[in-house]
Amino acid sequence: MSLLIKNGLVWLHEQEDFIKADIFIENNKIKEIGQVIEGEKGVPFIDVQEGYILPGLIDCHTHLGIIEEATGKIGVDNNEISDPITPNLRAIDAVNPMDIAFKDAVRNGITTVMSGPGSDNPVGGLSMAFKTSGRIIDHMIIKNPVGLKVALGENPLTTYGQDKKSPVTRMGTASLIRELFMRTQDYMILKKANKVNQRDVKLEAVIPVLMGEIPLRAHAHRADDIITAVRIAKEFNIEKLVIEHGTEADLIADYLFEKKVAVAFGPMLTPRIKMELRNRNYASALKLVGSGLKVALITDHPYNSIDQLRTIAILAVTEGLSPKDALKCLTVSPAEILGCDDRIGRISKGYDADLVVYDQEPLNINAKVQQTIINGKIVYSKNK
């Protein structure tokens, strides 16, 4: 239940440089950080020999375990296209922690992900945040749900429009979302008056968004689709909005900052295989962070493989993003976007003991993960 990490170069998010320190872990939490910590007799320890220590990396937009690798279509559970409006879907019912991609996540220092439904439906369902080590997903959860997925732009249109089913246009997509939210408002009024005779599973799933308990997470690439998401959120007094992908978010960054909208940006390593990705640019992250927005870098696994999360940050640094800001986009900011920043994303007393140790500076492309620690347990070691 205890572990002492000796002689690390530790990154504390408020500082530019790494500092030499020891870290003492007890009962899954970080108990102490100090220059020299003497462990009690019998307490296991590892000497990382001036290895670089970060908080466990966080990918706040994936389909990990929902789109399984090496399974074919039988392992693809991200889009319930039998119905365009499915707010009642829950990621927890689809994530398979035996997906081999979990091993890739752990080997590459990614200790927490958000996983959720895909973007074929205008309303896709509820996402959740969980640790990347374990066999029973219910025991791995940090927070569930962490948002309701809606999707704007090409994906819903190409999924349903090709069969001349609604939505066929962007107007149709927005209308379906509005209709659901209006029905939920009416349902909430009836429920408060004790006039609901039968619960509605779809409307019940939307209530936490309208109550401000969880964010609306909007898949949107093009600037006009992003603004539609902001418009709908304003109409229904939805205070928490996260734009997922945000390929053209940099074109309206000042507007998003004014509206206090966060951006889960990416994936960056994809080709421009559809019109919405025409303006995909590695420098966009620099512009978004520079505008004061809360930005997380994402893989959108498996559309970028989960093991490429750090590579994405390195690419952003080559475009001018500071190393400190790049690391924040992998730790502090995604934790805040997920509403889990009281537990993860920082090396701080009382936080979950999720840590990753590198043999070189983490944003050096040649750096290798030496140990990954989740909840105080070494779940990966390069030498074993």
Protein backbone atom coordinates (compact mmCIF):
# COMPACT_ATOMS: atom_id res chain seq x y z
CA MET A 1 0.00 0.00 0.00
CA SER A 2 3.08 2.26 0.20
CA LEU A 3 5.80 3.17 -2.28
CA LEU A 4 8.74 5.57 -2.13
CA ILE A 5 10.15 7.01 -5.36
CA LYS A 6 13.69 8.31 -4.92
CA ASN A 7 15.80 10.77 -6.92
CA GLY A 8 13.24 11.87 -9.48
CA LEU A 9 13.18 15.04 -11.58
CA VAL A 10 9.60 16.06 -10.91
CA TRP A 11 7.38 18.37 -12.96
CA LEU A 12 5.08 20.51 -10.86
CA HIS A 13 2.63 22.18 -13.23
CA GLU A 14 3.15 25.72 -11.94
CA GLN A 15 6.90 25.59 -12.69
CA GLU A 16 8.83 25.70 -15.96
CA ASP A 17 11.60 23.34 -14.89
CA PHE A 18 11.81 19.91 -13.30
CA ILE A 19 12.94 19.82 -9.68
CA LYS A 20 14.79 17.02 -7.94
CA ALA A 21 12.53 15.38 -5.38
CA ASP A 22 11.32 12.18 -3.77
CA ILE A 23 7.66 11.15 -3.75
CA PHE A 24 6.04 9.06 -1.03
CA ILE A 25 2.83 7.21 -1.88
CA GLU A 26 0.43 5.73 0.65
CA ASN A 27 -3.05 4.25 0.21
CA ASN A 28 -3.09 5.02 -3.54
CA LYS A 29 -2.44 8.73 -2.95
CA ILE A 30 0.55 11.05 -3.03
CA LYS A 31 1.30 11.68 0.62
CA GLU A 32 4.51 13.70 0.46
CA ILE A 33 6.83 15.41 -2.03
CA GLY A 34 10.23 16.52 -0.77
CA GLN A 35 13.90 16.85 -1.59
CA VAL A 36 14.87 13.93 0.63
CA ILE A 37 12.30 11.54 2.10
CA GLU A 38 13.53 8.72 4.30
CA GLY A 39 11.30 5.72 4.03
CA GLU A 40 10.45 3.55 6.99
CA LYS A 41 11.88 0.09 7.24
CA GLY A 42 10.10 -2.34 4.97
CA VAL A 43 8.55 0.29 2.69
CA PRO A 44 9.27 -0.64 -0.94
CA PHE A 45 11.10 1.96 -3.00
CA ILE A 46 12.44 2.55 -6.48
CA ASP A 47 15.40 4.75 -7.34
CA VAL A 48 14.59 6.34 -10.69
CA GLN A 49 18.10 7.83 -10.95
CA GLU A 50 17.03 11.29 -12.04
CA GLY A 51 14.36 10.02 -14.36
CA TYR A 52 11.77 12.62 -15.37
CA ILE A 53 8.44 12.27 -13.56
CA LEU A 54 5.14 13.59 -14.89
CA PRO A 55 1.58 13.15 -13.69
CA GLY A 56 0.02 10.25 -15.59
CA LEU A 57 -0.98 11.47 -19.04
CA ILE A 58 -4.70 12.02 -19.75
CA ASP A 59 -6.46 11.63 -23.10
CA CYS A 60 -9.84 13.30 -22.71
CA HIS A 61 -11.33 12.10 -25.99
CA THR A 62 -11.03 8.49 -27.14
CA HIS A 63 -13.11 5.46 -28.01
CA LEU A 64 -10.75 3.17 -26.11
CA GLY A 65 -12.36 -0.20 -25.42
CA ILE A 66 -15.46 0.76 -27.41
CA ILE A 67 -13.76 0.45 -30.79
CA GLU A 68 -11.60 -2.55 -30.01
CA GLU A 69 -8.42 -3.29 -31.92
CA ALA A 70 -7.81 -6.50 -33.86
CA THR A 71 -11.43 -7.68 -33.61
CA GLY A 72 -13.10 -6.50 -36.81
CA LYS A 73 -16.66 -5.21 -36.89
CA ILE A 74 -17.78 -7.26 -33.90
CA GLY A 75 -15.65 -5.04 -31.65
CA VAL A 76 -16.97 -1.73 -33.00
CA ASP A 77 -19.62 -0.45 -30.59
CA ASN A 78 -19.38 3.32 -30.91
CA ASN A 79 -22.41 4.21 -33.04
CA GLU A 80 -25.97 2.97 -32.47
CA ILE A 81 -27.21 4.01 -35.92
CA SER A 82 -30.61 2.37 -35.51
CA ASP A 83 -31.76 5.75 -34.10
CA PRO A 84 -30.21 9.23 -34.58
CA ILE A 85 -31.11 10.36 -31.05
CA THR A 86 -29.58 8.14 -28.36
CA PRO A 87 -28.72 10.20 -25.26
CA ASN A 88 -29.44 7.16 -23.11
CA LEU A 89 -26.44 5.17 -24.34
CA ARG A 90 -23.74 4.74 -21.70
CA ALA A 91 -20.10 4.16 -22.49
CA ILE A 92 -19.76 1.88 -19.48
CA ASP A 93 -21.90 -0.72 -21.24
CA ALA A 94 -19.50 -0.96 -24.20
CA VAL A 95 -15.95 -0.55 -22.86
CA ASN A 96 -13.97 -3.78 -22.85
CA PRO A 97 -10.89 -3.38 -20.62
CA MET A 98 -9.40 -6.47 -22.30
CA ASP A 99 -8.93 -4.45 -25.50
CA ILE A 100 -5.22 -4.77 -26.33
CA ALA A 101 -4.97 -0.98 -26.74
CA PHE A 102 -5.11 -0.64 -22.93
CA LYS A 103 -1.61 -2.17 -22.83
CA ASP A 104 -0.42 0.45 -25.33
CA ALA A 105 -1.86 3.18 -23.11
CA VAL A 106 -0.11 1.91 -19.99
CA ARG A 107 3.22 1.36 -21.78
CA ASN A 108 3.10 4.96 -22.94
CA GLY A 109 2.29 6.57 -19.62
CA ILE A 110 -1.40 7.26 -20.27
CA THR A 111 -3.17 6.57 -17.00
CA THR A 112 -6.62 8.10 -17.61
CA VAL A 113 -8.86 8.39 -20.66
CA MET A 114 -12.31 9.54 -21.51
CA SER A 115 -14.11 7.10 -23.78
CA GLY A 116 -17.55 7.49 -25.27
CA PRO A 117 -19.92 7.12 -28.20
CA GLY A 118 -19.04 8.11 -31.74
CA SER A 119 -20.28 10.94 -33.92
CA ASP A 120 -22.68 9.34 -36.41
CA ASN A 121 -25.71 10.33 -34.32
CA PRO A 122 -26.72 13.96 -33.67
CA VAL A 123 -27.00 12.84 -30.03
CA GLY A 124 -24.76 9.91 -29.20
CA GLY A 125 -24.84 9.24 -25.46
CA LEU A 126 -22.87 9.56 -22.23
CA SER A 127 -19.08 9.40 -21.92
CA MET A 128 -17.00 8.48 -18.88
CA ALA A 129 -13.47 8.84 -17.48
CA PHE A 130 -11.53 5.85 -16.18
CA LYS A 131 -8.06 4.52 -15.39
CA THR A 132 -6.28 2.42 -18.00
CA SER A 133 -5.32 -0.49 -15.77
CA GLY A 134 -7.76 -3.13 -14.58
CA ARG A 135 -10.05 -5.93 -15.66
CA ILE A 136 -13.44 -4.74 -14.38
CA ILE A 137 -14.47 -1.41 -15.86
CA ASP A 138 -16.74 -0.59 -12.91
CA HIS A 139 -13.66 -0.60 -10.66
CA MET A 140 -11.64 1.62 -13.02
CA ILE A 141 -14.03 4.56 -13.19
CA ILE A 142 -13.00 8.00 -12.02
CA LYS A 143 -16.19 9.79 -13.04
CA ASN A 144 -19.31 8.65 -14.87
CA PRO A 145 -20.71 10.38 -16.80
CA VAL A 146 -18.41 13.23 -17.85
CA GLY A 147 -20.56 14.60 -20.64
CA LEU A 148 -23.32 14.10 -23.21
CA LYS A 149 -22.13 13.69 -26.79
CA VAL A 150 -23.73 15.60 -29.65
CA ALA A 151 -22.37 15.76 -33.19
CA LEU A 152 -22.57 18.46 -35.83
CA GLY A 153 -21.33 18.55 -39.40
CA GLU A 154 -20.51 15.80 -41.86
CA ASN A 155 -20.85 12.62 -39.83
CA PRO A 156 -24.58 12.67 -39.01
CA LEU A 157 -25.38 13.95 -42.51
CA THR A 158 -23.49 11.21 -44.32
CA THR A 159 -24.83 8.52 -41.97
CA TYR A 160 -28.52 9.36 -42.34
CA GLY A 161 -28.78 11.76 -45.28
CA GLN A 162 -27.56 9.19 -47.79
CA ASP A 163 -30.71 7.19 -47.00
CA LYS A 164 -32.88 10.34 -47.06
CA LYS A 165 -33.52 10.01 -43.34
CA SER A 166 -33.29 12.90 -40.92
CA PRO A 167 -30.90 14.65 -40.62
CA VAL A 168 -30.19 15.49 -44.23
CA THR A 169 -28.92 19.01 -43.53
CA ARG A 170 -27.09 20.92 -40.80
CA MET A 171 -30.43 22.55 -40.00
CA GLY A 172 -31.92 19.12 -39.48
CA THR A 173 -29.15 18.08 -37.10
CA ALA A 174 -29.54 21.20 -34.96
CA SER A 175 -33.33 20.82 -34.96
CA LEU A 176 -33.15 17.26 -33.64
CA ILE A 177 -30.88 18.36 -30.79
CA ARG A 178 -33.18 21.28 -29.94
CA GLU A 179 -36.25 19.07 -30.00
CA LEU A 180 -34.65 16.68 -27.50
CA PHE A 181 -33.66 19.51 -25.17
CA MET A 182 -37.12 21.10 -25.35
CA ARG A 183 -38.80 17.80 -24.55
CA THR A 184 -36.44 17.40 -21.62
CA GLN A 185 -37.31 20.87 -20.29
CA ASP A 186 -41.01 20.01 -20.43
CA TYR A 187 -40.34 16.66 -18.79
CA MET A 188 -38.42 18.34 -15.96
CA ILE A 189 -41.39 20.63 -15.27
CA LEU A 190 -43.76 17.67 -15.12
CA LYS A 191 -41.35 15.71 -12.96
CA LYS A 192 -41.03 18.57 -10.48
CA ALA A 193 -44.83 18.68 -10.25
CA ASN A 194 -44.96 14.89 -9.67
CA LYS A 195 -46.90 14.42 -12.91
CA VAL A 196 -44.59 11.89 -14.55
CA ASN A 197 -46.18 8.46 -14.54
CA GLN A 198 -43.44 6.70 -16.46
CA ARG A 199 -39.78 7.60 -16.64
CA ASP A 200 -38.26 8.35 -20.04
CA VAL A 201 -34.73 6.92 -20.29
CA LYS A 202 -33.71 9.35 -23.04
CA LEU A 203 -34.89 12.46 -21.27
CA GLU A 204 -33.47 11.35 -17.93
CA ALA A 205 -30.04 11.18 -19.60
CA VAL A 206 -30.27 14.82 -20.72
CA ILE A 207 -31.31 16.30 -17.36
CA PRO A 208 -27.75 16.46 -15.92
CA VAL A 209 -26.67 18.61 -18.89
CA LEU A 210 -29.52 21.09 -18.50
CA MET A 211 -28.92 21.18 -14.74
CA GLY A 212 -25.25 22.06 -15.26
CA GLU A 213 -23.98 18.86 -13.63
CA ILE A 214 -22.09 17.60 -16.69
CA PRO A 215 -20.94 19.35 -19.88
CA LEU A 216 -22.33 19.15 -23.36
CA ARG A 217 -19.55 17.68 -25.49
CA ALA A 218 -20.00 18.70 -29.11
CA HIS A 219 -18.24 16.99 -32.00
CA ALA A 220 -17.53 19.86 -34.39
CA HIS A 221 -14.71 20.55 -36.84
CA ARG A 222 -15.82 23.52 -38.95
CA ALA A 223 -16.07 27.00 -37.43
CA ASP A 224 -19.76 27.36 -38.32
CA ASP A 225 -20.60 24.04 -36.66
CA ILE A 226 -18.68 25.07 -33.55
CA ILE A 227 -20.70 28.29 -33.39
CA THR A 228 -23.93 26.29 -33.77
CA ALA A 229 -22.94 24.29 -30.70
CA VAL A 230 -22.33 27.52 -28.78
CA ARG A 231 -25.68 28.88 -29.97
CA ILE A 232 -27.62 25.82 -28.85
CA ALA A 233 -25.85 25.79 -25.48
CA LYS A 234 -26.83 29.44 -24.96
CA GLU A 235 -30.46 28.80 -25.91
CA PHE A 236 -30.77 26.18 -23.19
CA ASN A 237 -28.58 27.92 -20.60
CA ILE A 238 -26.00 25.15 -20.76
CA GLU A 239 -22.99 26.57 -18.95
CA LYS A 240 -20.50 23.79 -19.62
CA LEU A 241 -19.56 23.21 -23.26
CA VAL A 242 -16.58 21.29 -24.64
CA ILE A 243 -15.81 21.33 -28.34
CA GLU A 244 -14.35 18.01 -29.43
CA HIS A 245 -11.90 18.09 -32.37
CA GLY A 246 -12.22 21.82 -33.17
CA THR A 247 -10.21 21.73 -36.41
CA GLU A 248 -11.20 25.33 -37.20
CA ALA A 249 -11.55 26.50 -33.60
CA ASP A 250 -8.48 28.70 -34.00
CA LEU A 251 -10.41 30.81 -36.54
CA ILE A 252 -12.86 31.86 -33.81
CA ALA A 253 -10.63 31.46 -30.75
CA ASP A 254 -11.44 34.90 -29.28
CA TYR A 255 -15.17 34.14 -29.52
CA LEU A 256 -14.73 30.80 -27.77
CA PHE A 257 -12.66 32.43 -25.03
CA GLU A 258 -15.44 34.98 -24.50
CA LYS A 259 -17.97 32.15 -24.18
CA LYS A 260 -15.69 30.14 -21.85
CA VAL A 261 -15.65 27.12 -24.13
CA ALA A 262 -12.99 24.41 -23.74
CA VAL A 263 -11.48 22.52 -26.69
CA ALA A 264 -10.40 18.88 -26.80
CA PHE A 265 -8.24 19.40 -29.87
CA GLY A 266 -7.37 16.76 -32.46
CA PRO A 267 -6.64 14.25 -33.75
CA MET A 268 -3.66 15.87 -35.45
CA LEU A 269 -2.07 12.91 -37.22
CA THR A 270 -4.92 12.16 -39.62
CA PRO A 271 -4.89 12.90 -43.36
CA ARG A 272 -7.49 15.37 -44.66
CA ILE A 273 -9.87 12.59 -45.68
CA LYS A 274 -13.00 14.76 -45.51
CA MET A 275 -13.89 18.36 -46.19
CA GLU A 276 -14.10 19.32 -42.52
CA LEU A 277 -10.39 18.56 -42.11
CA ARG A 278 -9.25 20.84 -44.92
CA ASN A 279 -7.83 23.41 -42.49
CA ARG A 280 -6.14 20.87 -40.21
CA ASN A 281 -2.92 22.51 -39.04
CA TYR A 282 -0.37 21.48 -36.41
CA ALA A 283 0.02 25.12 -35.35
CA SER A 284 -3.64 25.46 -34.35
CA ALA A 285 -2.93 24.29 -30.80
CA LEU A 286 -0.52 27.21 -30.36
CA LYS A 287 -3.19 29.68 -31.46
CA LEU A 288 -5.83 28.17 -29.19
CA VAL A 289 -3.61 28.13 -26.10
CA GLY A 290 -2.39 31.61 -26.91
CA SER A 291 -5.97 32.87 -26.90
CA GLY A 292 -6.37 31.77 -23.29
CA LEU A 293 -8.62 28.80 -24.02
CA LYS A 294 -8.52 25.63 -21.96
CA VAL A 295 -7.07 23.13 -24.43
CA ALA A 296 -6.37 19.42 -24.22
CA LEU A 297 -4.59 17.43 -26.92
CA ILE A 298 -6.34 14.19 -27.87
CA THR A 299 -5.75 11.10 -30.00
CA ASP A 300 -9.40 10.25 -30.67
CA HIS A 301 -8.15 6.66 -30.44
CA PRO A 302 -8.21 4.62 -32.63
CA TYR A 303 -8.24 7.38 -35.28
CA ASN A 304 -4.84 8.25 -33.88
CA SER A 305 -3.41 5.36 -31.88
CA ILE A 306 -3.47 5.93 -28.12
CA ASP A 307 0.32 5.52 -27.98
CA GLN A 308 0.76 8.68 -30.10
CA LEU A 309 -0.55 11.15 -27.49
CA ARG A 310 2.91 12.40 -26.49
CA THR A 311 3.96 12.58 -30.17
CA ILE A 312 1.10 14.98 -30.80
CA ALA A 313 2.37 17.26 -28.04
CA ILE A 314 5.88 17.13 -29.49
CA LEU A 315 4.51 18.20 -32.89
CA ALA A 316 2.76 21.14 -31.24
CA VAL A 317 6.05 22.17 -29.60
CA THR A 318 7.78 22.16 -32.99
CA GLU A 319 5.15 24.71 -34.07
CA GLY A 320 5.95 27.02 -31.17
CA LEU A 321 3.86 25.77 -28.26
CA SER A 322 5.93 26.04 -25.07
CA PRO A 323 6.93 22.76 -23.41
CA LYS A 324 5.13 23.83 -20.23
CA ASP A 325 1.88 24.49 -22.12
CA ALA A 326 2.27 21.25 -24.08
CA LEU A 327 2.55 19.27 -20.84
CA LYS A 328 -0.48 21.08 -19.43
CA CYS A 329 -2.43 19.99 -22.53
CA LEU A 330 -1.70 16.37 -21.54
CA THR A 331 -2.28 16.66 -17.78
CA VAL A 332 -3.78 19.67 -16.03
CA SER A 333 -6.15 20.84 -18.77
CA PRO A 334 -7.73 17.48 -19.69
CA ALA A 335 -8.25 16.80 -15.98
CA GLU A 336 -10.12 20.11 -15.68
CA ILE A 337 -12.16 19.45 -18.83
CA LEU A 338 -13.22 16.09 -17.37
CA GLY A 339 -14.09 17.66 -14.03
CA CYS A 340 -11.58 15.34 -12.33
CA ASP A 341 -8.91 17.93 -11.48
CA ASP A 342 -9.38 17.34 -7.76
CA ARG A 343 -7.83 13.86 -8.21
CA ILE A 344 -5.67 13.67 -11.32
CA GLY A 345 -3.53 15.79 -13.63
CA ARG A 346 -1.04 17.09 -11.05
CA ILE A 347 1.72 15.84 -8.80
CA SER A 348 0.34 17.19 -5.57
CA LYS A 349 -0.31 15.99 -2.04
CA GLY A 350 -3.61 14.12 -1.77
CA TYR A 351 -3.90 13.43 -5.50
CA ASP A 352 -4.16 9.96 -7.01
CA ALA A 353 -0.71 8.41 -7.31
CA ASP A 354 -0.76 8.26 -11.12
CA LEU A 355 2.76 8.91 -12.37
CA VAL A 356 4.97 8.21 -15.39
CA VAL A 357 8.77 8.12 -15.33
CA TYR A 358 10.85 8.85 -18.44
CA ASP A 359 14.55 8.33 -19.04
CA GLN A 360 14.87 11.72 -20.79
CA GLU A 361 12.88 14.95 -20.96
CA PRO A 362 9.36 13.81 -21.86
CA LEU A 363 9.05 16.03 -24.95
CA ASN A 364 12.23 14.56 -26.42
CA ILE A 365 11.06 12.16 -29.13
CA ASN A 366 13.69 9.64 -27.96
CA ALA A 367 12.41 9.55 -24.37
CA LYS A 368 11.17 6.17 -23.20
CA VAL A 369 8.75 5.33 -20.42
CA GLN A 370 10.55 3.53 -17.60
CA GLN A 371 7.64 3.07 -15.19
CA THR A 372 3.92 3.78 -15.23
CA ILE A 373 2.22 3.97 -11.85
CA ILE A 374 -1.56 3.97 -11.37
CA ASN A 375 -3.12 4.33 -7.93
CA GLY A 376 0.32 3.82 -6.39
CA LYS A 377 0.91 0.50 -8.15
CA ILE A 378 3.61 -0.04 -10.76
CA VAL A 379 1.57 -1.33 -13.72
CA TYR A 380 4.40 -1.12 -16.26
CA SER A 381 8.17 -1.31 -15.91
CA LYS A 382 10.49 -1.31 -18.90
CA ASN A 383 12.85 -3.73 -17.22
CA LYS A 384 10.21 -6.36 -16.50
